[in-house]
Amino acid sequence: MCGICFSRRSFLALGAAAGLAACTDNAETGRSQFVLVSDDQLTGMADQAWAQVTAEIPRVRDPAAHERLARIGRPLAAASGRGDLDWEFVVLDSPEFNAFVLPNGKVGFFRGLLEFARSDDEVGSVLGHEVGHIIARHPAERVSQELAVQAGVSLAQILLSNGEDGGQFAGEIAAALGMGAMFGVLLPYSRKHELEADRVGVGLMREAGLDPTAAVTFWERMIARQARQPKPLEALSTHPADERRLSELKAVVQAA
């Protein structure tokens, strides 16, 4: 049996040291970020995710659609300074109004959203937002936050189980901490990421020679389309409220 015994203070000290060691400054976001995973680790996970997504959702058969998306996306990728990534812009054959980016530089753009966009500049506003997530290191931050939450809840359960009263209800308390972590950490970071990606995306559009005002017109039409659809409270959503997002986006576009 191992003779080493960690006290509660030791656990907390180790957690604090790990947190400090994982904090890095990001010039694009202008803030310190908590990152536990490397870009290589993220790329490996992203490769698997991309293979799964493209296996489940086929690419559109029209080569012109892919060529158009790549033509709009390439200057944005070049402006990102992430030439180390194998950027690929793919139109997926789904009517959904959605797009996503993976840490390996793969961008999925759903057919429904491409058909909704009225111009290359509007398409570029979406692509700029997605590329913005990458250079702001949002995927690394999100994965690190989730890992930290999982480890934190497990650590709390260990500490509580050693207490005189906490041990009896350790499972219930840990479950409550998990809920608090979800609404107190992960979702606010998601909302912050969306607003940051909007801001970074506008800068990328300018560098790529696209019109940033298209981001405003695109979101105005998206909001009008969604007006009759039920929306969750912002506190329970991973995305900022439409009105707030549009207001901040207008401010960023007008600032330059």
C-alpha atoms as a PDB file:
ATOM      1  CA  MET A   1       0.000   0.000   0.000  1.00  0.00           C
ATOM      2  CA  CYS A   2       1.274   3.452  -0.879  1.00  0.00           C
ATOM      3  CA  GLY A   3       2.210   5.486   2.151  1.00  0.00           C
ATOM      4  CA  ILE A   4       1.547   8.869   0.505  1.00  0.00           C
ATOM      5  CA  CYS A   5      -1.569  10.636   1.750  1.00  0.00           C
ATOM      6  CA  PHE A   6      -2.934  13.846   0.239  1.00  0.00           C
ATOM      7  CA  SER A   7      -4.797  16.266   2.458  1.00  0.00           C
ATOM      8  CA  ARG A   8      -7.595  18.525   1.211  1.00  0.00           C
ATOM      9  CA  ARG A   9      -5.158  21.427   1.183  1.00  0.00           C
ATOM     10  CA  SER A  10      -2.756  19.380  -0.966  1.00  0.00           C
ATOM     11  CA  PHE A  11      -5.483  18.596  -3.491  1.00  0.00           C
ATOM     12  CA  LEU A  12      -6.462  22.248  -3.745  1.00  0.00           C
ATOM     13  CA  ALA A  13      -2.831  23.337  -4.095  1.00  0.00           C
ATOM     14  CA  LEU A  14      -2.244  20.844  -6.894  1.00  0.00           C
ATOM     15  CA  GLY A  15      -5.400  22.016  -8.681  1.00  0.00           C
ATOM     16  CA  ALA A  16      -4.367  25.652  -8.400  1.00  0.00           C
ATOM     17  CA  ALA A  17      -0.866  24.913  -9.703  1.00  0.00           C
ATOM     18  CA  ALA A  18      -2.270  23.031 -12.697  1.00  0.00           C
ATOM     19  CA  GLY A  19      -4.617  25.919 -13.447  1.00  0.00           C
ATOM     20  CA  LEU A  20      -1.818  28.485 -13.381  1.00  0.00           C
ATOM     21  CA  ALA A  21       0.404  26.340 -15.571  1.00  0.00           C
ATOM     22  CA  ALA A  22      -2.355  25.997 -18.178  1.00  0.00           C
ATOM     23  CA  CYS A  23      -3.114  29.716 -18.567  1.00  0.00           C
ATOM     24  CA  THR A  24      -1.848  31.340 -21.753  1.00  0.00           C
ATOM     25  CA  ASP A  25      -2.331  34.788 -23.261  1.00  0.00           C
ATOM     26  CA  ASN A  26      -4.033  35.078 -26.631  1.00  0.00           C
ATOM     27  CA  ALA A  27      -3.466  38.223 -28.682  1.00  0.00           C
ATOM     28  CA  GLU A  28      -6.636  37.668 -30.720  1.00  0.00           C
ATOM     29  CA  THR A  29      -8.964  37.489 -27.726  1.00  0.00           C
ATOM     30  CA  GLY A  30      -7.005  39.917 -25.560  1.00  0.00           C
ATOM     31  CA  ARG A  31      -7.370  37.713 -22.513  1.00  0.00           C
ATOM     32  CA  SER A  32      -5.760  34.809 -20.717  1.00  0.00           C
ATOM     33  CA  GLN A  33      -7.057  31.379 -21.702  1.00  0.00           C
ATOM     34  CA  PHE A  34      -7.143  28.098 -19.803  1.00  0.00           C
ATOM     35  CA  VAL A  35      -5.712  25.466 -22.173  1.00  0.00           C
ATOM     36  CA  LEU A  36      -4.803  21.920 -21.188  1.00  0.00           C
ATOM     37  CA  VAL A  37      -4.653  20.240 -24.602  1.00  0.00           C
ATOM     38  CA  SER A  38      -2.156  20.660 -27.417  1.00  0.00           C
ATOM     39  CA  ASP A  39      -2.965  21.471 -31.027  1.00  0.00           C
ATOM     40  CA  ASP A  40      -1.739  18.006 -32.037  1.00  0.00           C
ATOM     41  CA  GLN A  41      -4.179  16.359 -29.638  1.00  0.00           C
ATOM     42  CA  LEU A  42      -7.035  18.471 -30.975  1.00  0.00           C
ATOM     43  CA  THR A  43      -6.116  17.695 -34.566  1.00  0.00           C
ATOM     44  CA  GLY A  44      -6.270  13.971 -33.866  1.00  0.00           C
ATOM     45  CA  MET A  45      -9.716  14.282 -32.328  1.00  0.00           C
ATOM     46  CA  ALA A  46     -10.868  16.548 -35.158  1.00  0.00           C
ATOM     47  CA  ASP A  47      -9.740  14.082 -37.837  1.00  0.00           C
ATOM     48  CA  GLN A  48     -11.950  11.407 -36.295  1.00  0.00           C
ATOM     49  CA  ALA A  49     -14.884  13.782 -35.925  1.00  0.00           C
ATOM     50  CA  TRP A  50     -14.575  14.975 -39.532  1.00  0.00           C
ATOM     51  CA  ALA A  51     -14.539  11.416 -40.837  1.00  0.00           C
ATOM     52  CA  GLN A  52     -17.671  10.631 -38.863  1.00  0.00           C
ATOM     53  CA  VAL A  53     -19.561  13.760 -39.929  1.00  0.00           C
ATOM     54  CA  THR A  54     -18.771  13.387 -43.625  1.00  0.00           C
ATOM     55  CA  ALA A  55     -19.749   9.717 -43.466  1.00  0.00           C
ATOM     56  CA  GLU A  56     -23.155  10.627 -42.037  1.00  0.00           C
ATOM     57  CA  ILE A  57     -23.835  13.765 -44.093  1.00  0.00           C
ATOM     58  CA  PRO A  58     -22.816  13.529 -47.764  1.00  0.00           C
ATOM     59  CA  ARG A  59     -21.224  16.365 -49.680  1.00  0.00           C
ATOM     60  CA  VAL A  60     -23.330  18.118 -52.295  1.00  0.00           C
ATOM     61  CA  ARG A  61     -22.724  16.767 -55.760  1.00  0.00           C
ATOM     62  CA  ASP A  62     -22.356  20.168 -57.421  1.00  0.00           C
ATOM     63  CA  PRO A  63     -18.609  20.881 -57.798  1.00  0.00           C
ATOM     64  CA  ALA A  64     -19.364  24.581 -58.351  1.00  0.00           C
ATOM     65  CA  ALA A  65     -20.731  24.889 -54.805  1.00  0.00           C
ATOM     66  CA  HIS A  66     -17.508  23.542 -53.306  1.00  0.00           C
ATOM     67  CA  GLU A  67     -15.406  25.690 -55.603  1.00  0.00           C
ATOM     68  CA  ARG A  68     -17.342  28.805 -54.576  1.00  0.00           C
ATOM     69  CA  LEU A  69     -16.994  28.050 -50.866  1.00  0.00           C
ATOM     70  CA  ALA A  70     -13.258  27.359 -51.215  1.00  0.00           C
ATOM     71  CA  ARG A  71     -12.758  30.555 -53.238  1.00  0.00           C
ATOM     72  CA  ILE A  72     -14.384  32.612 -50.459  1.00  0.00           C
ATOM     73  CA  GLY A  73     -12.710  30.691 -47.663  1.00  0.00           C
ATOM     74  CA  ARG A  74      -9.102  30.598 -48.864  1.00  0.00           C
ATOM     75  CA  PRO A  75      -8.366  34.328 -48.326  1.00  0.00           C
ATOM     76  CA  LEU A  76      -9.878  34.106 -44.832  1.00  0.00           C
ATOM     77  CA  ALA A  77      -7.713  31.098 -43.990  1.00  0.00           C
ATOM     78  CA  ALA A  78      -4.659  32.937 -45.326  1.00  0.00           C
ATOM     79  CA  ALA A  79      -5.508  35.974 -43.176  1.00  0.00           C
ATOM     80  CA  SER A  80      -5.736  33.734 -40.103  1.00  0.00           C
ATOM     81  CA  GLY A  81      -2.006  33.013 -40.115  1.00  0.00           C
ATOM     82  CA  ARG A  82      -2.721  29.307 -39.590  1.00  0.00           C
ATOM     83  CA  GLY A  83      -1.006  28.000 -42.698  1.00  0.00           C
ATOM     84  CA  ASP A  84      -0.064  24.913 -40.697  1.00  0.00           C
ATOM     85  CA  LEU A  85      -3.625  23.616 -41.001  1.00  0.00           C
ATOM     86  CA  ASP A  86      -4.943  21.683 -43.972  1.00  0.00           C
ATOM     87  CA  TRP A  87      -7.897  23.999 -44.598  1.00  0.00           C
ATOM     88  CA  GLU A  88     -10.846  22.473 -46.438  1.00  0.00           C
ATOM     89  CA  PHE A  89     -14.236  24.067 -47.109  1.00  0.00           C
ATOM     90  CA  VAL A  90     -17.011  21.592 -47.824  1.00  0.00           C
ATOM     91  CA  VAL A  91     -20.711  22.064 -48.584  1.00  0.00           C
ATOM     92  CA  LEU A  92     -22.685  19.353 -46.811  1.00  0.00           C
ATOM     93  CA  ASP A  93     -25.963  18.216 -48.330  1.00  0.00           C
ATOM     94  CA  SER A  94     -28.391  19.166 -45.586  1.00  0.00           C
ATOM     95  CA  PRO A  95     -31.143  21.827 -45.466  1.00  0.00           C
ATOM     96  CA  GLU A  96     -30.014  22.939 -42.002  1.00  0.00           C
ATOM     97  CA  PHE A  97     -28.984  26.527 -41.376  1.00  0.00           C
ATOM     98  CA  ASN A  98     -25.642  25.739 -39.832  1.00  0.00           C
ATOM     99  CA  ALA A  99     -21.882  25.707 -40.267  1.00  0.00           C
ATOM    100  CA  PHE A 100     -19.014  24.484 -38.121  1.00  0.00           C
ATOM    101  CA  VAL A 101     -15.239  24.364 -37.968  1.00  0.00           C
ATOM    102  CA  LEU A 102     -12.916  21.744 -36.513  1.00  0.00           C
ATOM    103  CA  PRO A 103      -9.426  22.354 -35.074  1.00  0.00           C
ATOM    104  CA  ASN A 104      -7.840  20.615 -38.070  1.00  0.00           C
ATOM    105  CA  GLY A 105      -9.086  23.348 -40.418  1.00  0.00           C
ATOM    106  CA  LYS A 106     -12.059  21.448 -41.821  1.00  0.00           C
ATOM    107  CA  VAL A 107     -15.111  23.659 -42.324  1.00  0.00           C
ATOM    108  CA  GLY A 108     -18.563  22.203 -42.910  1.00  0.00           C
ATOM    109  CA  PHE A 109     -21.106  24.541 -44.486  1.00  0.00           C
ATOM    110  CA  PHE A 110     -24.654  23.212 -44.780  1.00  0.00           C
ATOM    111  CA  ARG A 111     -26.477  23.588 -48.094  1.00  0.00           C
ATOM    112  CA  GLY A 112     -29.450  25.296 -46.452  1.00  0.00           C
ATOM    113  CA  LEU A 113     -27.276  28.087 -45.104  1.00  0.00           C
ATOM    114  CA  LEU A 114     -25.438  28.508 -48.399  1.00  0.00           C
ATOM    115  CA  GLU A 115     -28.751  28.897 -50.236  1.00  0.00           C
ATOM    116  CA  PHE A 116     -29.927  31.437 -47.652  1.00  0.00           C
ATOM    117  CA  ALA A 117     -26.878  33.697 -48.077  1.00  0.00           C
ATOM    118  CA  ARG A 118     -27.426  36.370 -50.716  1.00  0.00           C
ATOM    119  CA  SER A 119     -23.824  37.140 -51.580  1.00  0.00           C
ATOM    120  CA  ASP A 120     -20.247  35.938 -51.310  1.00  0.00           C
ATOM    121  CA  ASP A 121     -19.730  38.548 -48.593  1.00  0.00           C
ATOM    122  CA  GLU A 122     -22.518  37.025 -46.493  1.00  0.00           C
ATOM    123  CA  VAL A 123     -21.032  33.574 -46.960  1.00  0.00           C
ATOM    124  CA  GLY A 124     -17.690  35.098 -45.986  1.00  0.00           C
ATOM    125  CA  SER A 125     -19.178  36.499 -42.784  1.00  0.00           C
ATOM    126  CA  VAL A 126     -20.068  32.973 -41.679  1.00  0.00           C
ATOM    127  CA  LEU A 127     -16.709  31.555 -42.750  1.00  0.00           C
ATOM    128  CA  GLY A 128     -14.874  34.417 -41.041  1.00  0.00           C
ATOM    129  CA  HIS A 129     -16.734  33.621 -37.829  1.00  0.00           C
ATOM    130  CA  GLU A 130     -15.787  29.943 -38.075  1.00  0.00           C
ATOM    131  CA  VAL A 131     -12.119  30.633 -38.853  1.00  0.00           C
ATOM    132  CA  GLY A 132     -12.174  33.128 -35.984  1.00  0.00           C
ATOM    133  CA  HIS A 133     -12.955  30.298 -33.567  1.00  0.00           C
ATOM    134  CA  ILE A 134      -9.715  28.586 -34.573  1.00  0.00           C
ATOM    135  CA  ILE A 135      -7.291  31.499 -34.254  1.00  0.00           C
ATOM    136  CA  ALA A 136      -8.934  32.466 -30.968  1.00  0.00           C
ATOM    137  CA  ARG A 137      -8.215  28.886 -29.807  1.00  0.00           C
ATOM    138  CA  HIS A 138     -11.797  28.340 -28.735  1.00  0.00           C
ATOM    139  CA  PRO A 139     -11.816  24.574 -29.401  1.00  0.00           C
ATOM    140  CA  ALA A 140      -8.782  24.104 -27.140  1.00  0.00           C
ATOM    141  CA  GLU A 141     -10.373  26.253 -24.463  1.00  0.00           C
ATOM    142  CA  ARG A 142     -13.715  24.459 -24.630  1.00  0.00           C
ATOM    143  CA  VAL A 143     -12.133  21.006 -24.397  1.00  0.00           C
ATOM    144  CA  SER A 144      -9.919  22.177 -21.516  1.00  0.00           C
ATOM    145  CA  GLN A 145     -12.884  23.654 -19.669  1.00  0.00           C
ATOM    146  CA  GLU A 146     -14.843  20.425 -19.999  1.00  0.00           C
ATOM    147  CA  LEU A 147     -11.883  18.370 -18.804  1.00  0.00           C
ATOM    148  CA  ALA A 148     -11.396  20.710 -15.850  1.00  0.00           C
ATOM    149  CA  VAL A 149     -15.067  20.530 -14.924  1.00  0.00           C
ATOM    150  CA  GLN A 150     -15.022  16.736 -15.012  1.00  0.00           C
ATOM    151  CA  ALA A 151     -11.845  16.612 -12.928  1.00  0.00           C
ATOM    152  CA  GLY A 152     -13.157  19.261 -10.547  1.00  0.00           C
ATOM    153  CA  VAL A 153     -16.390  17.398  -9.872  1.00  0.00           C
ATOM    154  CA  SER A 154     -14.462  14.164  -9.297  1.00  0.00           C
ATOM    155  CA  LEU A 155     -12.082  15.968  -6.936  1.00  0.00           C
ATOM    156  CA  ALA A 156     -14.963  17.544  -5.041  1.00  0.00           C
ATOM    157  CA  GLN A 157     -16.585  14.150  -4.645  1.00  0.00           C
ATOM    158  CA  ILE A 158     -13.352  12.754  -3.161  1.00  0.00           C
ATOM    159  CA  LEU A 159     -13.025  15.657  -0.739  1.00  0.00           C
ATOM    160  CA  LEU A 160     -16.665  15.553   0.307  1.00  0.00           C
ATOM    161  CA  SER A 161     -16.555  11.809   0.868  1.00  0.00           C
ATOM    162  CA  ASN A 162     -13.881  12.378   3.540  1.00  0.00           C
ATOM    163  CA  GLY A 163     -16.067  14.729   5.542  1.00  0.00           C
ATOM    164  CA  GLU A 164     -18.194  13.658   8.481  1.00  0.00           C
ATOM    165  CA  ASP A 165     -21.472  14.839   6.961  1.00  0.00           C
ATOM    166  CA  GLY A 166     -20.536  15.126   3.306  1.00  0.00           C
ATOM    167  CA  GLY A 167     -19.805  11.447   2.846  1.00  0.00           C
ATOM    168  CA  GLN A 168     -23.406  10.401   3.260  1.00  0.00           C
ATOM    169  CA  PHE A 169     -24.578  12.706   0.492  1.00  0.00           C
ATOM    170  CA  ALA A 170     -21.401  12.839  -1.628  1.00  0.00           C
ATOM    171  CA  GLY A 171     -23.141  11.646  -4.800  1.00  0.00           C
ATOM    172  CA  GLU A 172     -25.966  14.167  -4.521  1.00  0.00           C
ATOM    173  CA  ILE A 173     -23.572  17.037  -3.791  1.00  0.00           C
ATOM    174  CA  ALA A 174     -21.308  16.090  -6.685  1.00  0.00           C
ATOM    175  CA  ALA A 175     -24.311  15.995  -9.021  1.00  0.00           C
ATOM    176  CA  ALA A 176     -25.292  19.468  -7.870  1.00  0.00           C
ATOM    177  CA  LEU A 177     -21.758  20.711  -8.465  1.00  0.00           C
ATOM    178  CA  GLY A 178     -21.903  19.261 -11.942  1.00  0.00           C
ATOM    179  CA  MET A 179     -25.066  21.203 -12.712  1.00  0.00           C
ATOM    180  CA  GLY A 180     -23.545  24.355 -11.280  1.00  0.00           C
ATOM    181  CA  ALA A 181     -20.429  23.864 -13.353  1.00  0.00           C
ATOM    182  CA  MET A 182     -22.453  23.397 -16.522  1.00  0.00           C
ATOM    183  CA  PHE A 183     -24.446  26.606 -16.147  1.00  0.00           C
ATOM    184  CA  GLY A 184     -21.697  28.551 -14.412  1.00  0.00           C
ATOM    185  CA  VAL A 185     -18.696  27.728 -16.587  1.00  0.00           C
ATOM    186  CA  LEU A 186     -19.311  25.941 -19.873  1.00  0.00           C
ATOM    187  CA  LEU A 187     -22.281  27.892 -21.187  1.00  0.00           C
ATOM    188  CA  PRO A 188     -20.945  31.381 -20.389  1.00  0.00           C
ATOM    189  CA  TYR A 189     -17.701  30.482 -22.146  1.00  0.00           C
ATOM    190  CA  SER A 190     -19.700  29.342 -25.163  1.00  0.00           C
ATOM    191  CA  ARG A 191     -21.524  32.675 -25.352  1.00  0.00           C
ATOM    192  CA  LYS A 192     -18.247  34.558 -24.976  1.00  0.00           C
ATOM    193  CA  HIS A 193     -16.718  32.469 -27.744  1.00  0.00           C
ATOM    194  CA  GLU A 194     -19.497  33.318 -30.162  1.00  0.00           C
ATOM    195  CA  LEU A 195     -19.123  37.052 -29.593  1.00  0.00           C
ATOM    196  CA  GLU A 196     -15.329  36.826 -29.851  1.00  0.00           C
ATOM    197  CA  ALA A 197     -15.556  34.848 -33.082  1.00  0.00           C
ATOM    198  CA  ASP A 198     -17.877  37.516 -34.502  1.00  0.00           C
ATOM    199  CA  ARG A 199     -15.320  40.209 -33.666  1.00  0.00           C
ATOM    200  CA  VAL A 200     -12.326  38.262 -34.971  1.00  0.00           C
ATOM    201  CA  GLY A 201     -14.285  37.257 -38.060  1.00  0.00           C
ATOM    202  CA  VAL A 202     -14.956  40.887 -38.973  1.00  0.00           C
ATOM    203  CA  GLY A 203     -11.213  41.572 -38.867  1.00  0.00           C
ATOM    204  CA  LEU A 204     -10.542  38.556 -41.084  1.00  0.00           C
ATOM    205  CA  MET A 205     -13.142  39.748 -43.580  1.00  0.00           C
ATOM    206  CA  ARG A 206     -11.377  43.104 -43.884  1.00  0.00           C
ATOM    207  CA  GLU A 207      -8.003  41.455 -44.449  1.00  0.00           C
ATOM    208  CA  ALA A 208      -9.522  39.116 -47.045  1.00  0.00           C
ATOM    209  CA  GLY A 209     -11.089  41.995 -48.993  1.00  0.00           C
ATOM    210  CA  LEU A 210     -14.685  41.180 -48.042  1.00  0.00           C
ATOM    211  CA  ASP A 211     -17.323  43.682 -46.924  1.00  0.00           C
ATOM    212  CA  PRO A 212     -17.838  43.355 -43.120  1.00  0.00           C
ATOM    213  CA  THR A 213     -21.251  45.057 -43.304  1.00  0.00           C
ATOM    214  CA  ALA A 214     -22.502  41.837 -44.881  1.00  0.00           C
ATOM    215  CA  ALA A 215     -22.195  40.223 -41.456  1.00  0.00           C
ATOM    216  CA  VAL A 216     -24.773  42.690 -40.135  1.00  0.00           C
ATOM    217  CA  THR A 217     -27.216  42.240 -43.018  1.00  0.00           C
ATOM    218  CA  PHE A 218     -26.848  38.470 -42.806  1.00  0.00           C
ATOM    219  CA  TRP A 219     -27.672  38.412 -39.098  1.00  0.00           C
ATOM    220  CA  GLU A 220     -30.551  40.839 -39.507  1.00  0.00           C
ATOM    221  CA  ARG A 221     -32.170  38.408 -41.933  1.00  0.00           C
ATOM    222  CA  MET A 222     -31.339  35.419 -39.737  1.00  0.00           C
ATOM    223  CA  ILE A 223     -32.975  37.105 -36.748  1.00  0.00           C
ATOM    224  CA  ALA A 224     -36.051  37.986 -38.802  1.00  0.00           C
ATOM    225  CA  ARG A 225     -36.297  34.366 -39.921  1.00  0.00           C
ATOM    226  CA  GLN A 226     -36.020  33.084 -36.368  1.00  0.00           C
ATOM    227  CA  ALA A 227     -38.393  35.671 -34.899  1.00  0.00           C
ATOM    228  CA  ARG A 228     -41.312  33.261 -34.685  1.00  0.00           C
ATOM    229  CA  GLN A 229     -39.290  30.361 -33.388  1.00  0.00           C
ATOM    230  CA  PRO A 230     -39.139  29.783 -29.602  1.00  0.00           C
ATOM    231  CA  LYS A 231     -35.809  30.768 -28.072  1.00  0.00           C
ATOM    232  CA  PRO A 232     -34.236  29.669 -24.761  1.00  0.00           C
ATOM    233  CA  LEU A 233     -33.273  32.240 -22.178  1.00  0.00           C
ATOM    234  CA  GLU A 234     -29.745  33.514 -22.844  1.00  0.00           C
ATOM    235  CA  ALA A 235     -28.625  32.185 -19.458  1.00  0.00           C
ATOM    236  CA  LEU A 236     -29.521  28.663 -20.626  1.00  0.00           C
ATOM    237  CA  SER A 237     -28.158  28.963 -24.155  1.00  0.00           C
ATOM    238  CA  THR A 238     -24.695  28.424 -25.609  1.00  0.00           C
ATOM    239  CA  HIS A 239     -25.267  31.369 -27.950  1.00  0.00           C
ATOM    240  CA  PRO A 240     -25.805  35.023 -27.056  1.00  0.00           C
ATOM    241  CA  ALA A 241     -29.286  36.504 -27.518  1.00  0.00           C
ATOM    242  CA  ASP A 242     -29.884  37.634 -31.086  1.00  0.00           C
ATOM    243  CA  GLU A 243     -30.375  41.277 -30.126  1.00  0.00           C
ATOM    244  CA  ARG A 244     -27.166  41.395 -28.121  1.00  0.00           C
ATOM    245  CA  ARG A 245     -25.200  39.648 -30.835  1.00  0.00           C
ATOM    246  CA  LEU A 246     -26.429  42.026 -33.531  1.00  0.00           C
ATOM    247  CA  SER A 247     -25.762  45.070 -31.372  1.00  0.00           C
ATOM    248  CA  GLU A 248     -22.168  44.056 -30.648  1.00  0.00           C
ATOM    249  CA  LEU A 249     -21.585  43.051 -34.255  1.00  0.00           C
ATOM    250  CA  LYS A 250     -22.740  46.465 -35.485  1.00  0.00           C
ATOM    251  CA  ALA A 251     -20.416  48.152 -33.003  1.00  0.00           C
ATOM    252  CA  VAL A 252     -17.418  46.144 -34.251  1.00  0.00           C
ATOM    253  CA  VAL A 253     -18.205  46.871 -37.906  1.00  0.00           C
ATOM    254  CA  GLN A 254     -18.712  50.584 -37.274  1.00  0.00           C
ATOM    255  CA  ALA A 255     -15.566  50.884 -35.162  1.00  0.00           C
ATOM    256  CA  ALA A 256     -13.209  50.540 -38.109  1.00  0.00           C
END
